[in-house]
Amino acid sequence: LRAVGTAEQRSKYLTPMLEGRYTGTMNLSEPQAGSSLADIRTRAVPMGDGKYFKIKGTKMWISGGEHDISENIVHMVLAKVFDPDDPSRNQSGVKGISLFIVPKKRVNEGNPNND
């Protein structure tokens, strides 16, 4: 988030993490692949506007993946982009892997309950 996140992403997720209000996880291991990134099957399909993706797959061994000791958990999920409308984006091996922000609770600006 610090290196490549947008200003909005840093404000919504990184700042609360640095303040200790949110925790974070890295989601890369999968049952059939372990931590071999070339073999992951989790897919991220663009939802039309290019800003949002539908992520489908199974991750495992997520340390700190579920708890109630922080206000929110920011999961960083590795997935391969699969675009049925643009096959040139669909690559094998480690090519085409992106990192997606998947918070446990949605963070909506202007909503004091963050739900």
Foldseek 3Di string as FASTA:
>chain_A
DVPDDDPVCCVQPVVCVVVVQEEEWEWQAAPVQGNQLLPAAWEWEDPPVNPHTDIDGDTDDIVVPDDDPHPKYWYWYKHAYDYPVDNVLHDGGNRRIDIDTDMPAAADPPDPSSD
